[in-house]
Amino acid sequence: MGHEVEFAINATAALASAQRFRPDVVLLDLRLPDADGGEVARQLRRNPDLKSVRIVCITGLAGEEDRRRALAAGCDQFFLKPLGAGVLERVLSS
C-alpha cells in the first residue's frame, strides 16, 4: 500500500523499533511472546517522543474485557483477527 513499515517479533523489539523508527501508526497484538501488548501501549504513551502515535490493536482475544483493557492501556482502535486488507487500508488512511 506504499507505507514504510518495520516488523518486531516481540515487545522488547517493538519498543526499540518504535523509538528508532518513530511510526505514525503501530499495529499491536495483545499477546506477545515476552509481554502483554497492553503494557507495550502504556510504555508508548509514556514516551514523550511517541505519545501521539496511533495504536491499533489487532488481536484474537475477542472478549469485551480484552477490548476494554486495550483501550484503557492507550490503544486508539481495537479489531479482531483476521483483519482484511480492505479494512486495514481504511484504518491506515483515516
PDB file of N, CA and C in Angstrom:
ATOM      1  N   MET A   1       0.816  -1.200   0.000  1.00  0.00           N
ATOM      2  CA  MET A   1       0.000   0.000   0.000  1.00  0.00           C
ATOM      3  C   MET A   1       0.853   1.254   0.000  1.00  0.00           C
ATOM      4  N   GLY A   2       2.171   1.088  -0.078  1.00  0.00           N
ATOM      5  CA  GLY A   2       3.050   2.240  -0.156  1.00  0.00           C
ATOM      6  C   GLY A   2       3.536   2.786   1.170  1.00  0.00           C
ATOM      7  N   HIS A   3       3.212   2.117   2.257  1.00  0.00           N
ATOM      8  CA  HIS A   3       3.649   2.566   3.576  1.00  0.00           C
ATOM      9  C   HIS A   3       5.033   2.013   3.893  1.00  0.00           C
ATOM     10  N   GLU A   4       5.817   2.774   4.591  1.00  0.00           N
ATOM     11  CA  GLU A   4       7.095   2.281   5.097  1.00  0.00           C
ATOM     12  C   GLU A   4       6.804   1.575   6.414  1.00  0.00           C
ATOM     13  N   VAL A   5       7.255   0.323   6.542  1.00  0.00           N
ATOM     14  CA  VAL A   5       6.925  -0.472   7.722  1.00  0.00           C
ATOM     15  C   VAL A   5       8.166  -1.090   8.355  1.00  0.00           C
ATOM     16  N   GLU A   6       8.034  -1.396   9.621  1.00  0.00           N
ATOM     17  CA  GLU A   6       9.006  -2.212  10.352  1.00  0.00           C
ATOM     18  C   GLU A   6       8.214  -3.255  11.102  1.00  0.00           C
ATOM     19  N   PHE A   7       8.802  -4.416  11.271  1.00  0.00           N
ATOM     20  CA  PHE A   7       8.179  -5.534  11.965  1.00  0.00           C
ATOM     21  C   PHE A   7       9.006  -5.854  13.198  1.00  0.00           C
ATOM     22  N   ALA A   8       8.323  -6.130  14.298  1.00  0.00           N
ATOM     23  CA  ALA A   8       9.013  -6.526  15.526  1.00  0.00           C
ATOM     24  C   ALA A   8       8.422  -7.838  16.014  1.00  0.00           C
ATOM     25  N   ILE A   9       9.271  -8.752  16.438  1.00  0.00           N
ATOM     26  CA  ILE A   9       8.862 -10.096  16.829  1.00  0.00           C
ATOM     27  C   ILE A   9       8.323 -10.171  18.262  1.00  0.00           C
ATOM     28  N   ASN A  10       8.661  -9.180  19.091  1.00  0.00           N
ATOM     29  CA  ASN A  10       8.204  -9.201  20.476  1.00  0.00           C
ATOM     30  C   ASN A  10       8.139  -7.770  21.028  1.00  0.00           C
ATOM     31  N   ALA A  11       7.730  -7.645  22.279  1.00  0.00           N
ATOM     32  CA  ALA A  11       7.548  -6.330  22.893  1.00  0.00           C
ATOM     33  C   ALA A  11       8.853  -5.557  22.989  1.00  0.00           C
ATOM     34  N   THR A  12       9.900  -6.218  23.375  1.00  0.00           N
ATOM     35  CA  THR A  12      11.200  -5.555  23.512  1.00  0.00           C
ATOM     36  C   THR A  12      11.638  -4.961  22.182  1.00  0.00           C
ATOM     37  N   ALA A  13      11.536  -5.758  21.124  1.00  0.00           N
ATOM     38  CA  ALA A  13      11.916  -5.284  19.795  1.00  0.00           C
ATOM     39  C   ALA A  13      10.962  -4.190  19.308  1.00  0.00           C
ATOM     40  N   ALA A  14       9.684  -4.306  19.633  1.00  0.00           N
ATOM     41  CA  ALA A  14       8.698  -3.310  19.202  1.00  0.00           C
ATOM     42  C   ALA A  14       8.987  -1.949  19.825  1.00  0.00           C
ATOM     43  N   LEU A  15       9.284  -1.934  21.095  1.00  0.00           N
ATOM     44  CA  LEU A  15       9.574  -0.657  21.770  1.00  0.00           C
ATOM     45  C   LEU A  15      10.849  -0.024  21.232  1.00  0.00           C
ATOM     46  N   ALA A  16      11.869  -0.834  21.000  1.00  0.00           N
ATOM     47  CA  ALA A  16      13.123  -0.311  20.438  1.00  0.00           C
ATOM     48  C   ALA A  16      12.900   0.202  19.017  1.00  0.00           C
ATOM     49  N   SER A  17      12.148  -0.543  18.231  1.00  0.00           N
ATOM     50  CA  SER A  17      11.859  -0.141  16.861  1.00  0.00           C
ATOM     51  C   SER A  17      11.058   1.159  16.827  1.00  0.00           C
ATOM     52  N   ALA A  18      10.056   1.265  17.667  1.00  0.00           N
ATOM     53  CA  ALA A  18       9.234   2.479  17.698  1.00  0.00           C
ATOM     54  C   ALA A  18      10.065   3.692  18.089  1.00  0.00           C
ATOM     55  N   GLN A  19      10.967   3.531  19.034  1.00  0.00           N
ATOM     56  CA  GLN A  19      11.824   4.644  19.452  1.00  0.00           C
ATOM     57  C   GLN A  19      12.721   5.105  18.302  1.00  0.00           C
ATOM     58  N   ARG A  20      13.231   4.169  17.551  1.00  0.00           N
ATOM     59  CA  ARG A  20      14.125   4.489  16.440  1.00  0.00           C
ATOM     60  C   ARG A  20      13.367   4.940  15.191  1.00  0.00           C
ATOM     61  N   PHE A  21      12.283   4.245  14.865  1.00  0.00           N
ATOM     62  CA  PHE A  21      11.554   4.424  13.611  1.00  0.00           C
ATOM     63  C   PHE A  21      10.554   5.586  13.653  1.00  0.00           C
ATOM     64  N   ARG A  22      10.009   5.863  14.833  1.00  0.00           N
ATOM     65  CA  ARG A  22       9.017   6.924  15.039  1.00  0.00           C
ATOM     66  C   ARG A  22       7.819   6.768  14.090  1.00  0.00           C
ATOM     67  N   PRO A  23       7.058   5.696  14.241  1.00  0.00           N
ATOM     68  CA  PRO A  23       5.946   5.435  13.317  1.00  0.00           C
ATOM     69  C   PRO A  23       4.780   6.396  13.552  1.00  0.00           C
ATOM     70  N   ASP A  24       3.945   6.519  12.540  1.00  0.00           N
ATOM     71  CA  ASP A  24       2.689   7.254  12.679  1.00  0.00           C
ATOM     72  C   ASP A  24       1.623   6.354  13.299  1.00  0.00           C
ATOM     73  N   VAL A  25       1.711   5.046  12.977  1.00  0.00           N
ATOM     74  CA  VAL A  25       0.739   4.055  13.428  1.00  0.00           C
ATOM     75  C   VAL A  25       1.482   2.811  13.902  1.00  0.00           C
ATOM     76  N   VAL A  26       1.023   2.238  15.009  1.00  0.00           N
ATOM     77  CA  VAL A  26       1.530   0.953  15.493  1.00  0.00           C
ATOM     78  C   VAL A  26       0.380  -0.043  15.442  1.00  0.00           C
ATOM     79  N   LEU A  27       0.588  -1.160  14.759  1.00  0.00           N
ATOM     80  CA  LEU A  27      -0.352  -2.268  14.772  1.00  0.00           C
ATOM     81  C   LEU A  27       0.138  -3.230  15.850  1.00  0.00           C
ATOM     82  N   LEU A  28      -0.666  -3.447  16.872  1.00  0.00           N
ATOM     83  CA  LEU A  28      -0.207  -4.127  18.081  1.00  0.00           C
ATOM     84  C   LEU A  28      -1.122  -5.280  18.449  1.00  0.00           C
ATOM     85  N   ASP A  29      -0.533  -6.429  18.692  1.00  0.00           N
ATOM     86  CA  ASP A  29      -1.281  -7.575  19.205  1.00  0.00           C
ATOM     87  C   ASP A  29      -1.238  -7.519  20.730  1.00  0.00           C
ATOM     88  N   LEU A  30      -2.269  -8.041  21.383  1.00  0.00           N
ATOM     89  CA  LEU A  30      -2.255  -8.086  22.843  1.00  0.00           C
ATOM     90  C   LEU A  30      -1.429  -9.233  23.384  1.00  0.00           C
ATOM     91  N   ARG A  31      -1.263 -10.283  22.582  1.00  0.00           N
ATOM     92  CA  ARG A  31      -0.462 -11.437  23.014  1.00  0.00           C
ATOM     93  C   ARG A  31       0.890 -11.394  22.328  1.00  0.00           C
ATOM     94  N   LEU A  32       1.902 -11.101  23.108  1.00  0.00           N
ATOM     95  CA  LEU A  32       3.268 -11.079  22.601  1.00  0.00           C
ATOM     96  C   LEU A  32       4.079 -12.102  23.384  1.00  0.00           C
ATOM     97  N   PRO A  33       5.152 -12.619  22.798  1.00  0.00           N
ATOM     98  CA  PRO A  33       5.909 -13.684  23.457  1.00  0.00           C
ATOM     99  C   PRO A  33       6.532 -13.264  24.790  1.00  0.00           C
ATOM    100  N   ASP A  34       6.871 -11.987  24.922  1.00  0.00           N
ATOM    101  CA  ASP A  34       7.606 -11.569  26.120  1.00  0.00           C
ATOM    102  C   ASP A  34       6.872 -10.559  26.982  1.00  0.00           C
ATOM    103  N   ALA A  35       5.663 -10.155  26.610  1.00  0.00           N
ATOM    104  CA  ALA A  35       4.932  -9.168  27.407  1.00  0.00           C
ATOM    105  C   ALA A  35       3.494  -9.075  26.928  1.00  0.00           C
ATOM    106  N   ASP A  36       2.695  -8.417  27.721  1.00  0.00           N
ATOM    107  CA  ASP A  36       1.319  -8.119  27.352  1.00  0.00           C
ATOM    108  C   ASP A  36       1.316  -6.896  26.436  1.00  0.00           C
ATOM    109  N   GLY A  37       0.565  -6.962  25.340  1.00  0.00           N
ATOM    110  CA  GLY A  37       0.502  -5.841  24.415  1.00  0.00           C
ATOM    111  C   GLY A  37      -0.008  -4.568  25.059  1.00  0.00           C
ATOM    112  N   GLY A  38      -0.860  -4.698  26.057  1.00  0.00           N
ATOM    113  CA  GLY A  38      -1.337  -3.523  26.785  1.00  0.00           C
ATOM    114  C   GLY A  38      -0.197  -2.775  27.461  1.00  0.00           C
ATOM    115  N   GLU A  39       0.761  -3.513  27.969  1.00  0.00           N
ATOM    116  CA  GLU A  39       1.922  -2.874  28.592  1.00  0.00           C
ATOM    117  C   GLU A  39       2.753  -2.143  27.548  1.00  0.00           C
ATOM    118  N   VAL A  40       2.858  -2.689  26.354  1.00  0.00           N
ATOM    119  CA  VAL A  40       3.563  -2.001  25.268  1.00  0.00           C
ATOM    120  C   VAL A  40       2.855  -0.683  24.956  1.00  0.00           C
ATOM    121  N   ALA A  41       1.535  -0.715  24.865  1.00  0.00           N
ATOM    122  CA  ALA A  41       0.770   0.514  24.601  1.00  0.00           C
ATOM    123  C   ALA A  41       1.018   1.547  25.696  1.00  0.00           C
ATOM    124  N   ARG A  42       0.994   1.119  26.949  1.00  0.00           N
ATOM    125  CA  ARG A  42       1.248   2.055  28.069  1.00  0.00           C
ATOM    126  C   ARG A  42       2.640   2.669  27.976  1.00  0.00           C
ATOM    127  N   GLN A  43       3.641   1.851  27.629  1.00  0.00           N
ATOM    128  CA  GLN A  43       5.002   2.379  27.508  1.00  0.00           C
ATOM    129  C   GLN A  43       5.129   3.353  26.345  1.00  0.00           C
ATOM    130  N   LEU A  44       4.445   3.066  25.242  1.00  0.00           N
ATOM    131  CA  LEU A  44       4.457   4.005  24.123  1.00  0.00           C
ATOM    132  C   LEU A  44       3.837   5.335  24.536  1.00  0.00           C
ATOM    133  N   ARG A  45       2.743   5.294  25.264  1.00  0.00           N
ATOM    134  CA  ARG A  45       2.061   6.513  25.715  1.00  0.00           C
ATOM    135  C   ARG A  45       2.897   7.320  26.717  1.00  0.00           C
ATOM    136  N   ARG A  46       3.727   6.634  27.488  1.00  0.00           N
ATOM    137  CA  ARG A  46       4.588   7.334  28.472  1.00  0.00           C
ATOM    138  C   ARG A  46       5.800   7.994  27.826  1.00  0.00           C
ATOM    139  N   ASN A  47       6.156   7.561  26.621  1.00  0.00           N
ATOM    140  CA  ASN A  47       7.330   8.104  25.935  1.00  0.00           C
ATOM    141  C   ASN A  47       6.938   9.409  25.241  1.00  0.00           C
ATOM    142  N   PRO A  48       7.529  10.546  25.648  1.00  0.00           N
ATOM    143  CA  PRO A  48       7.145  11.836  25.052  1.00  0.00           C
ATOM    144  C   PRO A  48       7.310  11.877  23.531  1.00  0.00           C
ATOM    145  N   ASP A  49       8.275  11.141  23.002  1.00  0.00           N
ATOM    146  CA  ASP A  49       8.507  11.128  21.560  1.00  0.00           C
ATOM    147  C   ASP A  49       7.463  10.297  20.808  1.00  0.00           C
ATOM    148  N   LEU A  50       6.756   9.432  21.503  1.00  0.00           N
ATOM    149  CA  LEU A  50       5.813   8.519  20.859  1.00  0.00           C
ATOM    150  C   LEU A  50       4.385   8.686  21.371  1.00  0.00           C
ATOM    151  N   LYS A  51       4.180   9.656  22.223  1.00  0.00           N
ATOM    152  CA  LYS A  51       2.892   9.839  22.886  1.00  0.00           C
ATOM    153  C   LYS A  51       1.725   9.977  21.901  1.00  0.00           C
ATOM    154  N   SER A  52       1.971  10.571  20.740  1.00  0.00           N
ATOM    155  CA  SER A  52       0.879  10.827  19.801  1.00  0.00           C
ATOM    156  C   SER A  52       0.730   9.752  18.717  1.00  0.00           C
ATOM    157  N   VAL A  53       1.541   8.701  18.761  1.00  0.00           N
ATOM    158  CA  VAL A  53       1.419   7.628  17.770  1.00  0.00           C
ATOM    159  C   VAL A  53       0.027   6.987  17.888  1.00  0.00           C
ATOM    160  N   ARG A  54      -0.558   6.653  16.768  1.00  0.00           N
ATOM    161  CA  ARG A  54      -1.861   5.980  16.786  1.00  0.00           C
ATOM    162  C   ARG A  54      -1.602   4.491  16.976  1.00  0.00           C
ATOM    163  N   ILE A  55      -2.220   3.904  17.988  1.00  0.00           N
ATOM    164  CA  ILE A  55      -2.032   2.494  18.307  1.00  0.00           C
ATOM    165  C   ILE A  55      -3.309   1.739  17.953  1.00  0.00           C
ATOM    166  N   VAL A  56      -3.173   0.803  17.022  1.00  0.00           N
ATOM    167  CA  VAL A  56      -4.295  -0.008  16.561  1.00  0.00           C
ATOM    168  C   VAL A  56      -4.067  -1.431  17.050  1.00  0.00           C
ATOM    169  N   CYS A  57      -4.935  -1.885  17.928  1.00  0.00           N
ATOM    170  CA  CYS A  57      -4.850  -3.244  18.456  1.00  0.00           C
ATOM    171  C   CYS A  57      -5.537  -4.194  17.477  1.00  0.00           C
ATOM    172  N   ILE A  58      -4.818  -5.231  17.072  1.00  0.00           N
ATOM    173  CA  ILE A  58      -5.372  -6.281  16.218  1.00  0.00           C
ATOM    174  C   ILE A  58      -5.066  -7.597  16.924  1.00  0.00           C
ATOM    175  N   THR A  59      -6.098  -8.263  17.427  1.00  0.00           N
ATOM    176  CA  THR A  59      -5.873  -9.415  18.279  1.00  0.00           C
ATOM    177  C   THR A  59      -6.905 -10.509  18.072  1.00  0.00           C
ATOM    178  N   GLY A  60      -6.587 -11.683  18.535  1.00  0.00           N
ATOM    179  CA  GLY A  60      -7.518 -12.804  18.521  1.00  0.00           C
ATOM    180  C   GLY A  60      -8.317 -12.895  19.808  1.00  0.00           C
ATOM    181  N   LEU A  61      -8.026 -12.026  20.762  1.00  0.00           N
ATOM    182  CA  LEU A  61      -8.744 -12.022  22.037  1.00  0.00           C
ATOM    183  C   LEU A  61     -10.057 -11.267  21.853  1.00  0.00           C
ATOM    184  N   ALA A  62     -11.159 -12.006  21.868  1.00  0.00           N
ATOM    185  CA  ALA A  62     -12.436 -11.435  21.446  1.00  0.00           C
ATOM    186  C   ALA A  62     -13.324 -10.928  22.578  1.00  0.00           C
ATOM    187  N   GLY A  63     -12.895 -11.054  23.794  1.00  0.00           N
ATOM    188  CA  GLY A  63     -13.753 -10.661  24.904  1.00  0.00           C
ATOM    189  C   GLY A  63     -13.884  -9.155  25.070  1.00  0.00           C
ATOM    190  N   GLU A  64     -15.012  -8.736  25.601  1.00  0.00           N
ATOM    191  CA  GLU A  64     -15.244  -7.314  25.863  1.00  0.00           C
ATOM    192  C   GLU A  64     -14.215  -6.785  26.872  1.00  0.00           C
ATOM    193  N   GLU A  65     -13.821  -7.626  27.808  1.00  0.00           N
ATOM    194  CA  GLU A  65     -12.794  -7.219  28.784  1.00  0.00           C
ATOM    195  C   GLU A  65     -11.460  -6.968  28.088  1.00  0.00           C
ATOM    196  N   ASP A  66     -11.122  -7.774  27.087  1.00  0.00           N
ATOM    197  CA  ASP A  66      -9.889  -7.562  26.318  1.00  0.00           C
ATOM    198  C   ASP A  66      -9.935  -6.218  25.599  1.00  0.00           C
ATOM    199  N   ARG A  67     -11.071  -5.917  24.991  1.00  0.00           N
ATOM    200  CA  ARG A  67     -11.246  -4.635  24.306  1.00  0.00           C
ATOM    201  C   ARG A  67     -11.111  -3.475  25.292  1.00  0.00           C
ATOM    202  N   ARG A  68     -11.767  -3.590  26.427  1.00  0.00           N
ATOM    203  CA  ARG A  68     -11.708  -2.534  27.447  1.00  0.00           C
ATOM    204  C   ARG A  68     -10.276  -2.316  27.935  1.00  0.00           C
ATOM    205  N   ARG A  69      -9.566  -3.417  28.197  1.00  0.00           N
ATOM    206  CA  ARG A  69      -8.170  -3.312  28.666  1.00  0.00           C
ATOM    207  C   ARG A  69      -7.284  -2.659  27.623  1.00  0.00           C
ATOM    208  N   ALA A  70      -7.459  -3.027  26.352  1.00  0.00           N
ATOM    209  CA  ALA A  70      -6.638  -2.456  25.277  1.00  0.00           C
ATOM    210  C   ALA A  70      -6.866  -0.949  25.164  1.00  0.00           C
ATOM    211  N   LEU A  71      -8.115  -0.539  25.190  1.00  0.00           N
ATOM    212  CA  LEU A  71      -8.416   0.888  25.080  1.00  0.00           C
ATOM    213  C   LEU A  71      -7.938   1.645  26.323  1.00  0.00           C
ATOM    214  N   ALA A  72      -8.095   1.044  27.496  1.00  0.00           N
ATOM    215  CA  ALA A  72      -7.617   1.676  28.732  1.00  0.00           C
ATOM    216  C   ALA A  72      -6.098   1.799  28.751  1.00  0.00           C
ATOM    217  N   ALA A  73      -5.410   0.878  28.084  1.00  0.00           N
ATOM    218  CA  ALA A  73      -3.938   0.904  28.040  1.00  0.00           C
ATOM    219  C   ALA A  73      -3.412   1.968  27.085  1.00  0.00           C
ATOM    220  N   GLY A  74      -4.295   2.494  26.222  1.00  0.00           N
ATOM    221  CA  GLY A  74      -3.857   3.536  25.313  1.00  0.00           C
ATOM    222  C   GLY A  74      -4.062   3.244  23.842  1.00  0.00           C
ATOM    223  N   CYS A  75      -4.631   2.077  23.521  1.00  0.00           N
ATOM    224  CA  CYS A  75      -4.916   1.781  22.116  1.00  0.00           C
ATOM    225  C   CYS A  75      -6.049   2.687  21.638  1.00  0.00           C
ATOM    226  N   ASP A  76      -5.930   3.145  20.413  1.00  0.00           N
ATOM    227  CA  ASP A  76      -6.947   4.024  19.841  1.00  0.00           C
ATOM    228  C   ASP A  76      -8.085   3.257  19.190  1.00  0.00           C
ATOM    229  N   GLN A  77      -7.779   2.080  18.664  1.00  0.00           N
ATOM    230  CA  GLN A  77      -8.771   1.248  17.995  1.00  0.00           C
ATOM    231  C   GLN A  77      -8.522  -0.199  18.353  1.00  0.00           C
ATOM    232  N   PHE A  78      -9.560  -1.023  18.217  1.00  0.00           N
ATOM    233  CA  PHE A  78      -9.497  -2.432  18.572  1.00  0.00           C
ATOM    234  C   PHE A  78     -10.185  -3.242  17.479  1.00  0.00           C
ATOM    235  N   PHE A  79      -9.469  -4.199  16.902  1.00  0.00           N
ATOM    236  CA  PHE A  79     -10.007  -5.061  15.856  1.00  0.00           C
ATOM    237  C   PHE A  79      -9.669  -6.507  16.171  1.00  0.00           C
ATOM    238  N   LEU A  80     -10.557  -7.395  15.731  1.00  0.00           N
ATOM    239  CA  LEU A  80     -10.311  -8.833  15.875  1.00  0.00           C
ATOM    240  C   LEU A  80      -9.637  -9.372  14.629  1.00  0.00           C
ATOM    241  N   LYS A  81      -8.750 -10.344  14.847  1.00  0.00           N
ATOM    242  CA  LYS A  81      -8.131 -11.065  13.732  1.00  0.00           C
ATOM    243  C   LYS A  81      -9.150 -12.023  13.151  1.00  0.00           C
ATOM    244  N   PRO A  82      -9.073 -12.318  11.891  1.00  0.00           N
ATOM    245  CA  PRO A  82      -8.177 -11.705  10.915  1.00  0.00           C
ATOM    246  C   PRO A  82      -8.753 -10.369  10.428  1.00  0.00           C
ATOM    247  N   LEU A  83      -7.882  -9.450  10.148  1.00  0.00           N
ATOM    248  CA  LEU A  83      -8.271  -8.144   9.637  1.00  0.00           C
ATOM    249  C   LEU A  83      -7.991  -8.137   8.144  1.00  0.00           C
ATOM    250  N   GLY A  84      -9.016  -7.978   7.345  1.00  0.00           N
ATOM    251  CA  GLY A  84      -8.859  -7.999   5.896  1.00  0.00           C
ATOM    252  C   GLY A  84      -8.062  -6.814   5.394  1.00  0.00           C
ATOM    253  N   ALA A  85      -7.501  -6.964   4.216  1.00  0.00           N
ATOM    254  CA  ALA A  85      -6.673  -5.892   3.619  1.00  0.00           C
ATOM    255  C   ALA A  85      -7.476  -4.608   3.422  1.00  0.00           C
ATOM    256  N   GLY A  86      -8.740  -4.728   3.026  1.00  0.00           N
ATOM    257  CA  GLY A  86      -9.564  -3.543   2.818  1.00  0.00           C
ATOM    258  C   GLY A  86      -9.786  -2.774   4.106  1.00  0.00           C
ATOM    259  N   VAL A  87     -10.051  -3.491   5.189  1.00  0.00           N
ATOM    260  CA  VAL A  87     -10.238  -2.842   6.492  1.00  0.00           C
ATOM    261  C   VAL A  87      -8.927  -2.186   6.927  1.00  0.00           C
ATOM    262  N   LEU A  88      -7.829  -2.911   6.772  1.00  0.00           N
ATOM    263  CA  LEU A  88      -6.527  -2.347   7.135  1.00  0.00           C
ATOM    264  C   LEU A  88      -6.236  -1.083   6.345  1.00  0.00           C
ATOM    265  N   GLU A  89      -6.534  -1.108   5.067  1.00  0.00           N
ATOM    266  CA  GLU A  89      -6.307   0.072   4.232  1.00  0.00           C
ATOM    267  C   GLU A  89      -7.134   1.265   4.734  1.00  0.00           C
ATOM    268  N   ARG A  90      -8.388   1.024   5.100  1.00  0.00           N
ATOM    269  CA  ARG A  90      -9.224   2.107   5.640  1.00  0.00           C
ATOM    270  C   ARG A  90      -8.693   2.618   6.975  1.00  0.00           C
ATOM    271  N   VAL A  91      -8.226   1.709   7.816  1.00  0.00           N
ATOM    272  CA  VAL A  91      -7.657   2.106   9.116  1.00  0.00           C
ATOM    273  C   VAL A  91      -6.440   3.006   8.901  1.00  0.00           C
ATOM    274  N   LEU A  92      -5.581   2.620   7.989  1.00  0.00           N
ATOM    275  CA  LEU A  92      -4.352   3.377   7.776  1.00  0.00           C
ATOM    276  C   LEU A  92      -4.594   4.694   7.053  1.00  0.00           C
ATOM    277  N   SER A  93      -5.664   4.793   6.297  1.00  0.00           N
ATOM    278  CA  SER A  93      -5.922   6.035   5.564  1.00  0.00           C
ATOM    279  C   SER A  93      -6.751   7.023   6.379  1.00  0.00           C
ATOM    280  N   SER A  94      -7.263   6.601   7.520  1.00  0.00           N
ATOM    281  CA  SER A  94      -8.089   7.515   8.334  1.00  0.00           C
ATOM    282  C   SER A  94      -7.259   8.344   9.279  1.00  0.00           C
TER     283      SER A  94
END
